[in-house]
Amino acid sequence: SSLHNEGHELTCVVRPNSRRSYLDR
């Protein structure tokens, strides 16, 4: 959240069963 607000380009590595609803926002 912090890095996104600062404008960095982010790629998140996630497990298939991870809850990632907040990433989708």
PDBML (XML) file of the C-alpha atoms, coordinates in Angstrom:
<?xml version="1.0" encoding="UTF-8" ?>
<PDBx:datablock datablockName="MODEL"
   xmlns:PDBx="http://pdbml.pdb.org/schema/pdbx-v50.xsd"
   xmlns:xsi="http://www.w3.org/2001/XMLSchema-instance"
   xsi:schemaLocation="http://pdbml.pdb.org/schema/pdbx-v50.xsd pdbx-v50.xsd">
   <PDBx:atom_siteCategory>
      <PDBx:atom_site id="1">
         <PDBx:B_iso_or_equiv>0.00</PDBx:B_iso_or_equiv>
         <PDBx:Cartn_x>0.000</PDBx:Cartn_x>
         <PDBx:Cartn_y>0.000</PDBx:Cartn_y>
         <PDBx:Cartn_z>0.000</PDBx:Cartn_z>
         <PDBx:auth_asym_id>A</PDBx:auth_asym_id>
         <PDBx:auth_atom_id>CA</PDBx:auth_atom_id>
         <PDBx:auth_comp_id>SER</PDBx:auth_comp_id>
         <PDBx:auth_seq_id>1</PDBx:auth_seq_id>
         <PDBx:group_PDB>ATOM</PDBx:group_PDB>
         <PDBx:label_alt_id xsi:nil="true" />
         <PDBx:label_asym_id>A</PDBx:label_asym_id>
         <PDBx:label_atom_id>CA</PDBx:label_atom_id>
         <PDBx:label_comp_id>SER</PDBx:label_comp_id>
         <PDBx:label_entity_id>1</PDBx:label_entity_id>
         <PDBx:label_seq_id>1</PDBx:label_seq_id>
         <PDBx:occupancy>1.00</PDBx:occupancy>
         <PDBx:pdbx_PDB_model_num>1</PDBx:pdbx_PDB_model_num>
         <PDBx:type_symbol>C</PDBx:type_symbol>
      </PDBx:atom_site>
      <PDBx:atom_site id="2">
         <PDBx:B_iso_or_equiv>0.00</PDBx:B_iso_or_equiv>
         <PDBx:Cartn_x>2.791</PDBx:Cartn_x>
         <PDBx:Cartn_y>2.409</PDBx:Cartn_y>
         <PDBx:Cartn_z>0.917</PDBx:Cartn_z>
         <PDBx:auth_asym_id>A</PDBx:auth_asym_id>
         <PDBx:auth_atom_id>CA</PDBx:auth_atom_id>
         <PDBx:auth_comp_id>SER</PDBx:auth_comp_id>
         <PDBx:auth_seq_id>2</PDBx:auth_seq_id>
         <PDBx:group_PDB>ATOM</PDBx:group_PDB>
         <PDBx:label_alt_id xsi:nil="true" />
         <PDBx:label_asym_id>A</PDBx:label_asym_id>
         <PDBx:label_atom_id>CA</PDBx:label_atom_id>
         <PDBx:label_comp_id>SER</PDBx:label_comp_id>
         <PDBx:label_entity_id>1</PDBx:label_entity_id>
         <PDBx:label_seq_id>2</PDBx:label_seq_id>
         <PDBx:occupancy>1.00</PDBx:occupancy>
         <PDBx:pdbx_PDB_model_num>1</PDBx:pdbx_PDB_model_num>
         <PDBx:type_symbol>C</PDBx:type_symbol>
      </PDBx:atom_site>
      <PDBx:atom_site id="3">
         <PDBx:B_iso_or_equiv>0.00</PDBx:B_iso_or_equiv>
         <PDBx:Cartn_x>4.897</PDBx:Cartn_x>
         <PDBx:Cartn_y>1.673</PDBx:Cartn_y>
         <PDBx:Cartn_z>-2.171</PDBx:Cartn_z>
         <PDBx:auth_asym_id>A</PDBx:auth_asym_id>
         <PDBx:auth_atom_id>CA</PDBx:auth_atom_id>
         <PDBx:auth_comp_id>LEU</PDBx:auth_comp_id>
         <PDBx:auth_seq_id>3</PDBx:auth_seq_id>
         <PDBx:group_PDB>ATOM</PDBx:group_PDB>
         <PDBx:label_alt_id xsi:nil="true" />
         <PDBx:label_asym_id>A</PDBx:label_asym_id>
         <PDBx:label_atom_id>CA</PDBx:label_atom_id>
         <PDBx:label_comp_id>LEU</PDBx:label_comp_id>
         <PDBx:label_entity_id>1</PDBx:label_entity_id>
         <PDBx:label_seq_id>3</PDBx:label_seq_id>
         <PDBx:occupancy>1.00</PDBx:occupancy>
         <PDBx:pdbx_PDB_model_num>1</PDBx:pdbx_PDB_model_num>
         <PDBx:type_symbol>C</PDBx:type_symbol>
      </PDBx:atom_site>
      <PDBx:atom_site id="4">
         <PDBx:B_iso_or_equiv>0.00</PDBx:B_iso_or_equiv>
         <PDBx:Cartn_x>1.870</PDBx:Cartn_x>
         <PDBx:Cartn_y>1.869</PDBx:Cartn_y>
         <PDBx:Cartn_z>-4.445</PDBx:Cartn_z>
         <PDBx:auth_asym_id>A</PDBx:auth_asym_id>
         <PDBx:auth_atom_id>CA</PDBx:auth_atom_id>
         <PDBx:auth_comp_id>HIS</PDBx:auth_comp_id>
         <PDBx:auth_seq_id>4</PDBx:auth_seq_id>
         <PDBx:group_PDB>ATOM</PDBx:group_PDB>
         <PDBx:label_alt_id xsi:nil="true" />
         <PDBx:label_asym_id>A</PDBx:label_asym_id>
         <PDBx:label_atom_id>CA</PDBx:label_atom_id>
         <PDBx:label_comp_id>HIS</PDBx:label_comp_id>
         <PDBx:label_entity_id>1</PDBx:label_entity_id>
         <PDBx:label_seq_id>4</PDBx:label_seq_id>
         <PDBx:occupancy>1.00</PDBx:occupancy>
         <PDBx:pdbx_PDB_model_num>1</PDBx:pdbx_PDB_model_num>
         <PDBx:type_symbol>C</PDBx:type_symbol>
      </PDBx:atom_site>
      <PDBx:atom_site id="5">
         <PDBx:B_iso_or_equiv>0.00</PDBx:B_iso_or_equiv>
         <PDBx:Cartn_x>0.973</PDBx:Cartn_x>
         <PDBx:Cartn_y>5.299</PDBx:Cartn_y>
         <PDBx:Cartn_z>-3.035</PDBx:Cartn_z>
         <PDBx:auth_asym_id>A</PDBx:auth_asym_id>
         <PDBx:auth_atom_id>CA</PDBx:auth_atom_id>
         <PDBx:auth_comp_id>ASN</PDBx:auth_comp_id>
         <PDBx:auth_seq_id>5</PDBx:auth_seq_id>
         <PDBx:group_PDB>ATOM</PDBx:group_PDB>
         <PDBx:label_alt_id xsi:nil="true" />
         <PDBx:label_asym_id>A</PDBx:label_asym_id>
         <PDBx:label_atom_id>CA</PDBx:label_atom_id>
         <PDBx:label_comp_id>ASN</PDBx:label_comp_id>
         <PDBx:label_entity_id>1</PDBx:label_entity_id>
         <PDBx:label_seq_id>5</PDBx:label_seq_id>
         <PDBx:occupancy>1.00</PDBx:occupancy>
         <PDBx:pdbx_PDB_model_num>1</PDBx:pdbx_PDB_model_num>
         <PDBx:type_symbol>C</PDBx:type_symbol>
      </PDBx:atom_site>
      <PDBx:atom_site id="6">
         <PDBx:B_iso_or_equiv>0.00</PDBx:B_iso_or_equiv>
         <PDBx:Cartn_x>4.515</PDBx:Cartn_x>
         <PDBx:Cartn_y>6.443</PDBx:Cartn_y>
         <PDBx:Cartn_z>-3.805</PDBx:Cartn_z>
         <PDBx:auth_asym_id>A</PDBx:auth_asym_id>
         <PDBx:auth_atom_id>CA</PDBx:auth_atom_id>
         <PDBx:auth_comp_id>GLU</PDBx:auth_comp_id>
         <PDBx:auth_seq_id>6</PDBx:auth_seq_id>
         <PDBx:group_PDB>ATOM</PDBx:group_PDB>
         <PDBx:label_alt_id xsi:nil="true" />
         <PDBx:label_asym_id>A</PDBx:label_asym_id>
         <PDBx:label_atom_id>CA</PDBx:label_atom_id>
         <PDBx:label_comp_id>GLU</PDBx:label_comp_id>
         <PDBx:label_entity_id>1</PDBx:label_entity_id>
         <PDBx:label_seq_id>6</PDBx:label_seq_id>
         <PDBx:occupancy>1.00</PDBx:occupancy>
         <PDBx:pdbx_PDB_model_num>1</PDBx:pdbx_PDB_model_num>
         <PDBx:type_symbol>C</PDBx:type_symbol>
      </PDBx:atom_site>
      <PDBx:atom_site id="7">
         <PDBx:B_iso_or_equiv>0.00</PDBx:B_iso_or_equiv>
         <PDBx:Cartn_x>4.095</PDBx:Cartn_x>
         <PDBx:Cartn_y>5.477</PDBx:Cartn_y>
         <PDBx:Cartn_z>-7.452</PDBx:Cartn_z>
         <PDBx:auth_asym_id>A</PDBx:auth_asym_id>
         <PDBx:auth_atom_id>CA</PDBx:auth_atom_id>
         <PDBx:auth_comp_id>GLY</PDBx:auth_comp_id>
         <PDBx:auth_seq_id>7</PDBx:auth_seq_id>
         <PDBx:group_PDB>ATOM</PDBx:group_PDB>
         <PDBx:label_alt_id xsi:nil="true" />
         <PDBx:label_asym_id>A</PDBx:label_asym_id>
         <PDBx:label_atom_id>CA</PDBx:label_atom_id>
         <PDBx:label_comp_id>GLY</PDBx:label_comp_id>
         <PDBx:label_entity_id>1</PDBx:label_entity_id>
         <PDBx:label_seq_id>7</PDBx:label_seq_id>
         <PDBx:occupancy>1.00</PDBx:occupancy>
         <PDBx:pdbx_PDB_model_num>1</PDBx:pdbx_PDB_model_num>
         <PDBx:type_symbol>C</PDBx:type_symbol>
      </PDBx:atom_site>
      <PDBx:atom_site id="8">
         <PDBx:B_iso_or_equiv>0.00</PDBx:B_iso_or_equiv>
         <PDBx:Cartn_x>6.372</PDBx:Cartn_x>
         <PDBx:Cartn_y>2.458</PDBx:Cartn_y>
         <PDBx:Cartn_z>-7.705</PDBx:Cartn_z>
         <PDBx:auth_asym_id>A</PDBx:auth_asym_id>
         <PDBx:auth_atom_id>CA</PDBx:auth_atom_id>
         <PDBx:auth_comp_id>HIS</PDBx:auth_comp_id>
         <PDBx:auth_seq_id>8</PDBx:auth_seq_id>
         <PDBx:group_PDB>ATOM</PDBx:group_PDB>
         <PDBx:label_alt_id xsi:nil="true" />
         <PDBx:label_asym_id>A</PDBx:label_asym_id>
         <PDBx:label_atom_id>CA</PDBx:label_atom_id>
         <PDBx:label_comp_id>HIS</PDBx:label_comp_id>
         <PDBx:label_entity_id>1</PDBx:label_entity_id>
         <PDBx:label_seq_id>8</PDBx:label_seq_id>
         <PDBx:occupancy>1.00</PDBx:occupancy>
         <PDBx:pdbx_PDB_model_num>1</PDBx:pdbx_PDB_model_num>
         <PDBx:type_symbol>C</PDBx:type_symbol>
      </PDBx:atom_site>
      <PDBx:atom_site id="9">
         <PDBx:B_iso_or_equiv>0.00</PDBx:B_iso_or_equiv>
         <PDBx:Cartn_x>5.610</PDBx:Cartn_x>
         <PDBx:Cartn_y>-0.243</PDBx:Cartn_y>
         <PDBx:Cartn_z>-10.292</PDBx:Cartn_z>
         <PDBx:auth_asym_id>A</PDBx:auth_asym_id>
         <PDBx:auth_atom_id>CA</PDBx:auth_atom_id>
         <PDBx:auth_comp_id>GLU</PDBx:auth_comp_id>
         <PDBx:auth_seq_id>9</PDBx:auth_seq_id>
         <PDBx:group_PDB>ATOM</PDBx:group_PDB>
         <PDBx:label_alt_id xsi:nil="true" />
         <PDBx:label_asym_id>A</PDBx:label_asym_id>
         <PDBx:label_atom_id>CA</PDBx:label_atom_id>
         <PDBx:label_comp_id>GLU</PDBx:label_comp_id>
         <PDBx:label_entity_id>1</PDBx:label_entity_id>
         <PDBx:label_seq_id>9</PDBx:label_seq_id>
         <PDBx:occupancy>1.00</PDBx:occupancy>
         <PDBx:pdbx_PDB_model_num>1</PDBx:pdbx_PDB_model_num>
         <PDBx:type_symbol>C</PDBx:type_symbol>
      </PDBx:atom_site>
      <PDBx:atom_site id="10">
         <PDBx:B_iso_or_equiv>0.00</PDBx:B_iso_or_equiv>
         <PDBx:Cartn_x>4.685</PDBx:Cartn_x>
         <PDBx:Cartn_y>-3.332</PDBx:Cartn_y>
         <PDBx:Cartn_z>-8.295</PDBx:Cartn_z>
         <PDBx:auth_asym_id>A</PDBx:auth_asym_id>
         <PDBx:auth_atom_id>CA</PDBx:auth_atom_id>
         <PDBx:auth_comp_id>LEU</PDBx:auth_comp_id>
         <PDBx:auth_seq_id>10</PDBx:auth_seq_id>
         <PDBx:group_PDB>ATOM</PDBx:group_PDB>
         <PDBx:label_alt_id xsi:nil="true" />
         <PDBx:label_asym_id>A</PDBx:label_asym_id>
         <PDBx:label_atom_id>CA</PDBx:label_atom_id>
         <PDBx:label_comp_id>LEU</PDBx:label_comp_id>
         <PDBx:label_entity_id>1</PDBx:label_entity_id>
         <PDBx:label_seq_id>10</PDBx:label_seq_id>
         <PDBx:occupancy>1.00</PDBx:occupancy>
         <PDBx:pdbx_PDB_model_num>1</PDBx:pdbx_PDB_model_num>
         <PDBx:type_symbol>C</PDBx:type_symbol>
      </PDBx:atom_site>
      <PDBx:atom_site id="11">
         <PDBx:B_iso_or_equiv>0.00</PDBx:B_iso_or_equiv>
         <PDBx:Cartn_x>4.401</PDBx:Cartn_x>
         <PDBx:Cartn_y>-7.005</PDBx:Cartn_y>
         <PDBx:Cartn_z>-9.109</PDBx:Cartn_z>
         <PDBx:auth_asym_id>A</PDBx:auth_asym_id>
         <PDBx:auth_atom_id>CA</PDBx:auth_atom_id>
         <PDBx:auth_comp_id>THR</PDBx:auth_comp_id>
         <PDBx:auth_seq_id>11</PDBx:auth_seq_id>
         <PDBx:group_PDB>ATOM</PDBx:group_PDB>
         <PDBx:label_alt_id xsi:nil="true" />
         <PDBx:label_asym_id>A</PDBx:label_asym_id>
         <PDBx:label_atom_id>CA</PDBx:label_atom_id>
         <PDBx:label_comp_id>THR</PDBx:label_comp_id>
         <PDBx:label_entity_id>1</PDBx:label_entity_id>
         <PDBx:label_seq_id>11</PDBx:label_seq_id>
         <PDBx:occupancy>1.00</PDBx:occupancy>
         <PDBx:pdbx_PDB_model_num>1</PDBx:pdbx_PDB_model_num>
         <PDBx:type_symbol>C</PDBx:type_symbol>
      </PDBx:atom_site>
      <PDBx:atom_site id="12">
         <PDBx:B_iso_or_equiv>0.00</PDBx:B_iso_or_equiv>
         <PDBx:Cartn_x>3.135</PDBx:Cartn_x>
         <PDBx:Cartn_y>-9.227</PDBx:Cartn_y>
         <PDBx:Cartn_z>-6.291</PDBx:Cartn_z>
         <PDBx:auth_asym_id>A</PDBx:auth_asym_id>
         <PDBx:auth_atom_id>CA</PDBx:auth_atom_id>
         <PDBx:auth_comp_id>CYS</PDBx:auth_comp_id>
         <PDBx:auth_seq_id>12</PDBx:auth_seq_id>
         <PDBx:group_PDB>ATOM</PDBx:group_PDB>
         <PDBx:label_alt_id xsi:nil="true" />
         <PDBx:label_asym_id>A</PDBx:label_asym_id>
         <PDBx:label_atom_id>CA</PDBx:label_atom_id>
         <PDBx:label_comp_id>CYS</PDBx:label_comp_id>
         <PDBx:label_entity_id>1</PDBx:label_entity_id>
         <PDBx:label_seq_id>12</PDBx:label_seq_id>
         <PDBx:occupancy>1.00</PDBx:occupancy>
         <PDBx:pdbx_PDB_model_num>1</PDBx:pdbx_PDB_model_num>
         <PDBx:type_symbol>C</PDBx:type_symbol>
      </PDBx:atom_site>
      <PDBx:atom_site id="13">
         <PDBx:B_iso_or_equiv>0.00</PDBx:B_iso_or_equiv>
         <PDBx:Cartn_x>3.940</PDBx:Cartn_x>
         <PDBx:Cartn_y>-12.926</PDBx:Cartn_y>
         <PDBx:Cartn_z>-6.150</PDBx:Cartn_z>
         <PDBx:auth_asym_id>A</PDBx:auth_asym_id>
         <PDBx:auth_atom_id>CA</PDBx:auth_atom_id>
         <PDBx:auth_comp_id>VAL</PDBx:auth_comp_id>
         <PDBx:auth_seq_id>13</PDBx:auth_seq_id>
         <PDBx:group_PDB>ATOM</PDBx:group_PDB>
         <PDBx:label_alt_id xsi:nil="true" />
         <PDBx:label_asym_id>A</PDBx:label_asym_id>
         <PDBx:label_atom_id>CA</PDBx:label_atom_id>
         <PDBx:label_comp_id>VAL</PDBx:label_comp_id>
         <PDBx:label_entity_id>1</PDBx:label_entity_id>
         <PDBx:label_seq_id>13</PDBx:label_seq_id>
         <PDBx:occupancy>1.00</PDBx:occupancy>
         <PDBx:pdbx_PDB_model_num>1</PDBx:pdbx_PDB_model_num>
         <PDBx:type_symbol>C</PDBx:type_symbol>
      </PDBx:atom_site>
      <PDBx:atom_site id="14">
         <PDBx:B_iso_or_equiv>0.00</PDBx:B_iso_or_equiv>
         <PDBx:Cartn_x>1.000</PDBx:Cartn_x>
         <PDBx:Cartn_y>-14.759</PDBx:Cartn_y>
         <PDBx:Cartn_z>-4.560</PDBx:Cartn_z>
         <PDBx:auth_asym_id>A</PDBx:auth_asym_id>
         <PDBx:auth_atom_id>CA</PDBx:auth_atom_id>
         <PDBx:auth_comp_id>VAL</PDBx:auth_comp_id>
         <PDBx:auth_seq_id>14</PDBx:auth_seq_id>
         <PDBx:group_PDB>ATOM</PDBx:group_PDB>
         <PDBx:label_alt_id xsi:nil="true" />
         <PDBx:label_asym_id>A</PDBx:label_asym_id>
         <PDBx:label_atom_id>CA</PDBx:label_atom_id>
         <PDBx:label_comp_id>VAL</PDBx:label_comp_id>
         <PDBx:label_entity_id>1</PDBx:label_entity_id>
         <PDBx:label_seq_id>14</PDBx:label_seq_id>
         <PDBx:occupancy>1.00</PDBx:occupancy>
         <PDBx:pdbx_PDB_model_num>1</PDBx:pdbx_PDB_model_num>
         <PDBx:type_symbol>C</PDBx:type_symbol>
      </PDBx:atom_site>
      <PDBx:atom_site id="15">
         <PDBx:B_iso_or_equiv>0.00</PDBx:B_iso_or_equiv>
         <PDBx:Cartn_x>-0.111</PDBx:Cartn_x>
         <PDBx:Cartn_y>-18.278</PDBx:Cartn_y>
         <PDBx:Cartn_z>-3.739</PDBx:Cartn_z>
         <PDBx:auth_asym_id>A</PDBx:auth_asym_id>
         <PDBx:auth_atom_id>CA</PDBx:auth_atom_id>
         <PDBx:auth_comp_id>ARG</PDBx:auth_comp_id>
         <PDBx:auth_seq_id>15</PDBx:auth_seq_id>
         <PDBx:group_PDB>ATOM</PDBx:group_PDB>
         <PDBx:label_alt_id xsi:nil="true" />
         <PDBx:label_asym_id>A</PDBx:label_asym_id>
         <PDBx:label_atom_id>CA</PDBx:label_atom_id>
         <PDBx:label_comp_id>ARG</PDBx:label_comp_id>
         <PDBx:label_entity_id>1</PDBx:label_entity_id>
         <PDBx:label_seq_id>15</PDBx:label_seq_id>
         <PDBx:occupancy>1.00</PDBx:occupancy>
         <PDBx:pdbx_PDB_model_num>1</PDBx:pdbx_PDB_model_num>
         <PDBx:type_symbol>C</PDBx:type_symbol>
      </PDBx:atom_site>
      <PDBx:atom_site id="16">
         <PDBx:B_iso_or_equiv>0.00</PDBx:B_iso_or_equiv>
         <PDBx:Cartn_x>-3.082</PDBx:Cartn_x>
         <PDBx:Cartn_y>-19.573</PDBx:Cartn_y>
         <PDBx:Cartn_z>-5.775</PDBx:Cartn_z>
         <PDBx:auth_asym_id>A</PDBx:auth_asym_id>
         <PDBx:auth_atom_id>CA</PDBx:auth_atom_id>
         <PDBx:auth_comp_id>PRO</PDBx:auth_comp_id>
         <PDBx:auth_seq_id>16</PDBx:auth_seq_id>
         <PDBx:group_PDB>ATOM</PDBx:group_PDB>
         <PDBx:label_alt_id xsi:nil="true" />
         <PDBx:label_asym_id>A</PDBx:label_asym_id>
         <PDBx:label_atom_id>CA</PDBx:label_atom_id>
         <PDBx:label_comp_id>PRO</PDBx:label_comp_id>
         <PDBx:label_entity_id>1</PDBx:label_entity_id>
         <PDBx:label_seq_id>16</PDBx:label_seq_id>
         <PDBx:occupancy>1.00</PDBx:occupancy>
         <PDBx:pdbx_PDB_model_num>1</PDBx:pdbx_PDB_model_num>
         <PDBx:type_symbol>C</PDBx:type_symbol>
      </PDBx:atom_site>
      <PDBx:atom_site id="17">
         <PDBx:B_iso_or_equiv>0.00</PDBx:B_iso_or_equiv>
         <PDBx:Cartn_x>-5.248</PDBx:Cartn_x>
         <PDBx:Cartn_y>-19.654</PDBx:Cartn_y>
         <PDBx:Cartn_z>-2.635</PDBx:Cartn_z>
         <PDBx:auth_asym_id>A</PDBx:auth_asym_id>
         <PDBx:auth_atom_id>CA</PDBx:auth_atom_id>
         <PDBx:auth_comp_id>ASN</PDBx:auth_comp_id>
         <PDBx:auth_seq_id>17</PDBx:auth_seq_id>
         <PDBx:group_PDB>ATOM</PDBx:group_PDB>
         <PDBx:label_alt_id xsi:nil="true" />
         <PDBx:label_asym_id>A</PDBx:label_asym_id>
         <PDBx:label_atom_id>CA</PDBx:label_atom_id>
         <PDBx:label_comp_id>ASN</PDBx:label_comp_id>
         <PDBx:label_entity_id>1</PDBx:label_entity_id>
         <PDBx:label_seq_id>17</PDBx:label_seq_id>
         <PDBx:occupancy>1.00</PDBx:occupancy>
         <PDBx:pdbx_PDB_model_num>1</PDBx:pdbx_PDB_model_num>
         <PDBx:type_symbol>C</PDBx:type_symbol>
      </PDBx:atom_site>
      <PDBx:atom_site id="18">
         <PDBx:B_iso_or_equiv>0.00</PDBx:B_iso_or_equiv>
         <PDBx:Cartn_x>-4.151</PDBx:Cartn_x>
         <PDBx:Cartn_y>-16.264</PDBx:Cartn_y>
         <PDBx:Cartn_z>-1.267</PDBx:Cartn_z>
         <PDBx:auth_asym_id>A</PDBx:auth_asym_id>
         <PDBx:auth_atom_id>CA</PDBx:auth_atom_id>
         <PDBx:auth_comp_id>SER</PDBx:auth_comp_id>
         <PDBx:auth_seq_id>18</PDBx:auth_seq_id>
         <PDBx:group_PDB>ATOM</PDBx:group_PDB>
         <PDBx:label_alt_id xsi:nil="true" />
         <PDBx:label_asym_id>A</PDBx:label_asym_id>
         <PDBx:label_atom_id>CA</PDBx:label_atom_id>
         <PDBx:label_comp_id>SER</PDBx:label_comp_id>
         <PDBx:label_entity_id>1</PDBx:label_entity_id>
         <PDBx:label_seq_id>18</PDBx:label_seq_id>
         <PDBx:occupancy>1.00</PDBx:occupancy>
         <PDBx:pdbx_PDB_model_num>1</PDBx:pdbx_PDB_model_num>
         <PDBx:type_symbol>C</PDBx:type_symbol>
      </PDBx:atom_site>
      <PDBx:atom_site id="19">
         <PDBx:B_iso_or_equiv>0.00</PDBx:B_iso_or_equiv>
         <PDBx:Cartn_x>-6.797</PDBx:Cartn_x>
         <PDBx:Cartn_y>-13.735</PDBx:Cartn_y>
         <PDBx:Cartn_z>-0.332</PDBx:Cartn_z>
         <PDBx:auth_asym_id>A</PDBx:auth_asym_id>
         <PDBx:auth_atom_id>CA</PDBx:auth_atom_id>
         <PDBx:auth_comp_id>ARG</PDBx:auth_comp_id>
         <PDBx:auth_seq_id>19</PDBx:auth_seq_id>
         <PDBx:group_PDB>ATOM</PDBx:group_PDB>
         <PDBx:label_alt_id xsi:nil="true" />
         <PDBx:label_asym_id>A</PDBx:label_asym_id>
         <PDBx:label_atom_id>CA</PDBx:label_atom_id>
         <PDBx:label_comp_id>ARG</PDBx:label_comp_id>
         <PDBx:label_entity_id>1</PDBx:label_entity_id>
         <PDBx:label_seq_id>19</PDBx:label_seq_id>
         <PDBx:occupancy>1.00</PDBx:occupancy>
         <PDBx:pdbx_PDB_model_num>1</PDBx:pdbx_PDB_model_num>
         <PDBx:type_symbol>C</PDBx:type_symbol>
      </PDBx:atom_site>
      <PDBx:atom_site id="20">
         <PDBx:B_iso_or_equiv>0.00</PDBx:B_iso_or_equiv>
         <PDBx:Cartn_x>-5.898</PDBx:Cartn_x>
         <PDBx:Cartn_y>-10.820</PDBx:Cartn_y>
         <PDBx:Cartn_z>-2.570</PDBx:Cartn_z>
         <PDBx:auth_asym_id>A</PDBx:auth_asym_id>
         <PDBx:auth_atom_id>CA</PDBx:auth_atom_id>
         <PDBx:auth_comp_id>ARG</PDBx:auth_comp_id>
         <PDBx:auth_seq_id>20</PDBx:auth_seq_id>
         <PDBx:group_PDB>ATOM</PDBx:group_PDB>
         <PDBx:label_alt_id xsi:nil="true" />
         <PDBx:label_asym_id>A</PDBx:label_asym_id>
         <PDBx:label_atom_id>CA</PDBx:label_atom_id>
         <PDBx:label_comp_id>ARG</PDBx:label_comp_id>
         <PDBx:label_entity_id>1</PDBx:label_entity_id>
         <PDBx:label_seq_id>20</PDBx:label_seq_id>
         <PDBx:occupancy>1.00</PDBx:occupancy>
         <PDBx:pdbx_PDB_model_num>1</PDBx:pdbx_PDB_model_num>
         <PDBx:type_symbol>C</PDBx:type_symbol>
      </PDBx:atom_site>
      <PDBx:atom_site id="21">
         <PDBx:B_iso_or_equiv>0.00</PDBx:B_iso_or_equiv>
         <PDBx:Cartn_x>-9.078</PDBx:Cartn_x>
         <PDBx:Cartn_y>-8.748</PDBx:Cartn_y>
         <PDBx:Cartn_z>-2.813</PDBx:Cartn_z>
         <PDBx:auth_asym_id>A</PDBx:auth_asym_id>
         <PDBx:auth_atom_id>CA</PDBx:auth_atom_id>
         <PDBx:auth_comp_id>SER</PDBx:auth_comp_id>
         <PDBx:auth_seq_id>21</PDBx:auth_seq_id>
         <PDBx:group_PDB>ATOM</PDBx:group_PDB>
         <PDBx:label_alt_id xsi:nil="true" />
         <PDBx:label_asym_id>A</PDBx:label_asym_id>
         <PDBx:label_atom_id>CA</PDBx:label_atom_id>
         <PDBx:label_comp_id>SER</PDBx:label_comp_id>
         <PDBx:label_entity_id>1</PDBx:label_entity_id>
         <PDBx:label_seq_id>21</PDBx:label_seq_id>
         <PDBx:occupancy>1.00</PDBx:occupancy>
         <PDBx:pdbx_PDB_model_num>1</PDBx:pdbx_PDB_model_num>
         <PDBx:type_symbol>C</PDBx:type_symbol>
      </PDBx:atom_site>
      <PDBx:atom_site id="22">
         <PDBx:B_iso_or_equiv>0.00</PDBx:B_iso_or_equiv>
         <PDBx:Cartn_x>-7.261</PDBx:Cartn_x>
         <PDBx:Cartn_y>-5.677</PDBx:Cartn_y>
         <PDBx:Cartn_z>-1.494</PDBx:Cartn_z>
         <PDBx:auth_asym_id>A</PDBx:auth_asym_id>
         <PDBx:auth_atom_id>CA</PDBx:auth_atom_id>
         <PDBx:auth_comp_id>TYR</PDBx:auth_comp_id>
         <PDBx:auth_seq_id>22</PDBx:auth_seq_id>
         <PDBx:group_PDB>ATOM</PDBx:group_PDB>
         <PDBx:label_alt_id xsi:nil="true" />
         <PDBx:label_asym_id>A</PDBx:label_asym_id>
         <PDBx:label_atom_id>CA</PDBx:label_atom_id>
         <PDBx:label_comp_id>TYR</PDBx:label_comp_id>
         <PDBx:label_entity_id>1</PDBx:label_entity_id>
         <PDBx:label_seq_id>22</PDBx:label_seq_id>
         <PDBx:occupancy>1.00</PDBx:occupancy>
         <PDBx:pdbx_PDB_model_num>1</PDBx:pdbx_PDB_model_num>
         <PDBx:type_symbol>C</PDBx:type_symbol>
      </PDBx:atom_site>
      <PDBx:atom_site id="23">
         <PDBx:B_iso_or_equiv>0.00</PDBx:B_iso_or_equiv>
         <PDBx:Cartn_x>-4.601</PDBx:Cartn_x>
         <PDBx:Cartn_y>-6.056</PDBx:Cartn_y>
         <PDBx:Cartn_z>-4.224</PDBx:Cartn_z>
         <PDBx:auth_asym_id>A</PDBx:auth_asym_id>
         <PDBx:auth_atom_id>CA</PDBx:auth_atom_id>
         <PDBx:auth_comp_id>LEU</PDBx:auth_comp_id>
         <PDBx:auth_seq_id>23</PDBx:auth_seq_id>
         <PDBx:group_PDB>ATOM</PDBx:group_PDB>
         <PDBx:label_alt_id xsi:nil="true" />
         <PDBx:label_asym_id>A</PDBx:label_asym_id>
         <PDBx:label_atom_id>CA</PDBx:label_atom_id>
         <PDBx:label_comp_id>LEU</PDBx:label_comp_id>
         <PDBx:label_entity_id>1</PDBx:label_entity_id>
         <PDBx:label_seq_id>23</PDBx:label_seq_id>
         <PDBx:occupancy>1.00</PDBx:occupancy>
         <PDBx:pdbx_PDB_model_num>1</PDBx:pdbx_PDB_model_num>
         <PDBx:type_symbol>C</PDBx:type_symbol>
      </PDBx:atom_site>
      <PDBx:atom_site id="24">
         <PDBx:B_iso_or_equiv>0.00</PDBx:B_iso_or_equiv>
         <PDBx:Cartn_x>-7.351</PDBx:Cartn_x>
         <PDBx:Cartn_y>-6.042</PDBx:Cartn_y>
         <PDBx:Cartn_z>-6.832</PDBx:Cartn_z>
         <PDBx:auth_asym_id>A</PDBx:auth_asym_id>
         <PDBx:auth_atom_id>CA</PDBx:auth_atom_id>
         <PDBx:auth_comp_id>ASP</PDBx:auth_comp_id>
         <PDBx:auth_seq_id>24</PDBx:auth_seq_id>
         <PDBx:group_PDB>ATOM</PDBx:group_PDB>
         <PDBx:label_alt_id xsi:nil="true" />
         <PDBx:label_asym_id>A</PDBx:label_asym_id>
         <PDBx:label_atom_id>CA</PDBx:label_atom_id>
         <PDBx:label_comp_id>ASP</PDBx:label_comp_id>
         <PDBx:label_entity_id>1</PDBx:label_entity_id>
         <PDBx:label_seq_id>24</PDBx:label_seq_id>
         <PDBx:occupancy>1.00</PDBx:occupancy>
         <PDBx:pdbx_PDB_model_num>1</PDBx:pdbx_PDB_model_num>
         <PDBx:type_symbol>C</PDBx:type_symbol>
      </PDBx:atom_site>
      <PDBx:atom_site id="25">
         <PDBx:B_iso_or_equiv>0.00</PDBx:B_iso_or_equiv>
         <PDBx:Cartn_x>-8.385</PDBx:Cartn_x>
         <PDBx:Cartn_y>-2.589</PDBx:Cartn_y>
         <PDBx:Cartn_z>-5.592</PDBx:Cartn_z>
         <PDBx:auth_asym_id>A</PDBx:auth_asym_id>
         <PDBx:auth_atom_id>CA</PDBx:auth_atom_id>
         <PDBx:auth_comp_id>ARG</PDBx:auth_comp_id>
         <PDBx:auth_seq_id>25</PDBx:auth_seq_id>
         <PDBx:group_PDB>ATOM</PDBx:group_PDB>
         <PDBx:label_alt_id xsi:nil="true" />
         <PDBx:label_asym_id>A</PDBx:label_asym_id>
         <PDBx:label_atom_id>CA</PDBx:label_atom_id>
         <PDBx:label_comp_id>ARG</PDBx:label_comp_id>
         <PDBx:label_entity_id>1</PDBx:label_entity_id>
         <PDBx:label_seq_id>25</PDBx:label_seq_id>
         <PDBx:occupancy>1.00</PDBx:occupancy>
         <PDBx:pdbx_PDB_model_num>1</PDBx:pdbx_PDB_model_num>
         <PDBx:type_symbol>C</PDBx:type_symbol>
      </PDBx:atom_site>
   </PDBx:atom_siteCategory>
</PDBx:datablock>
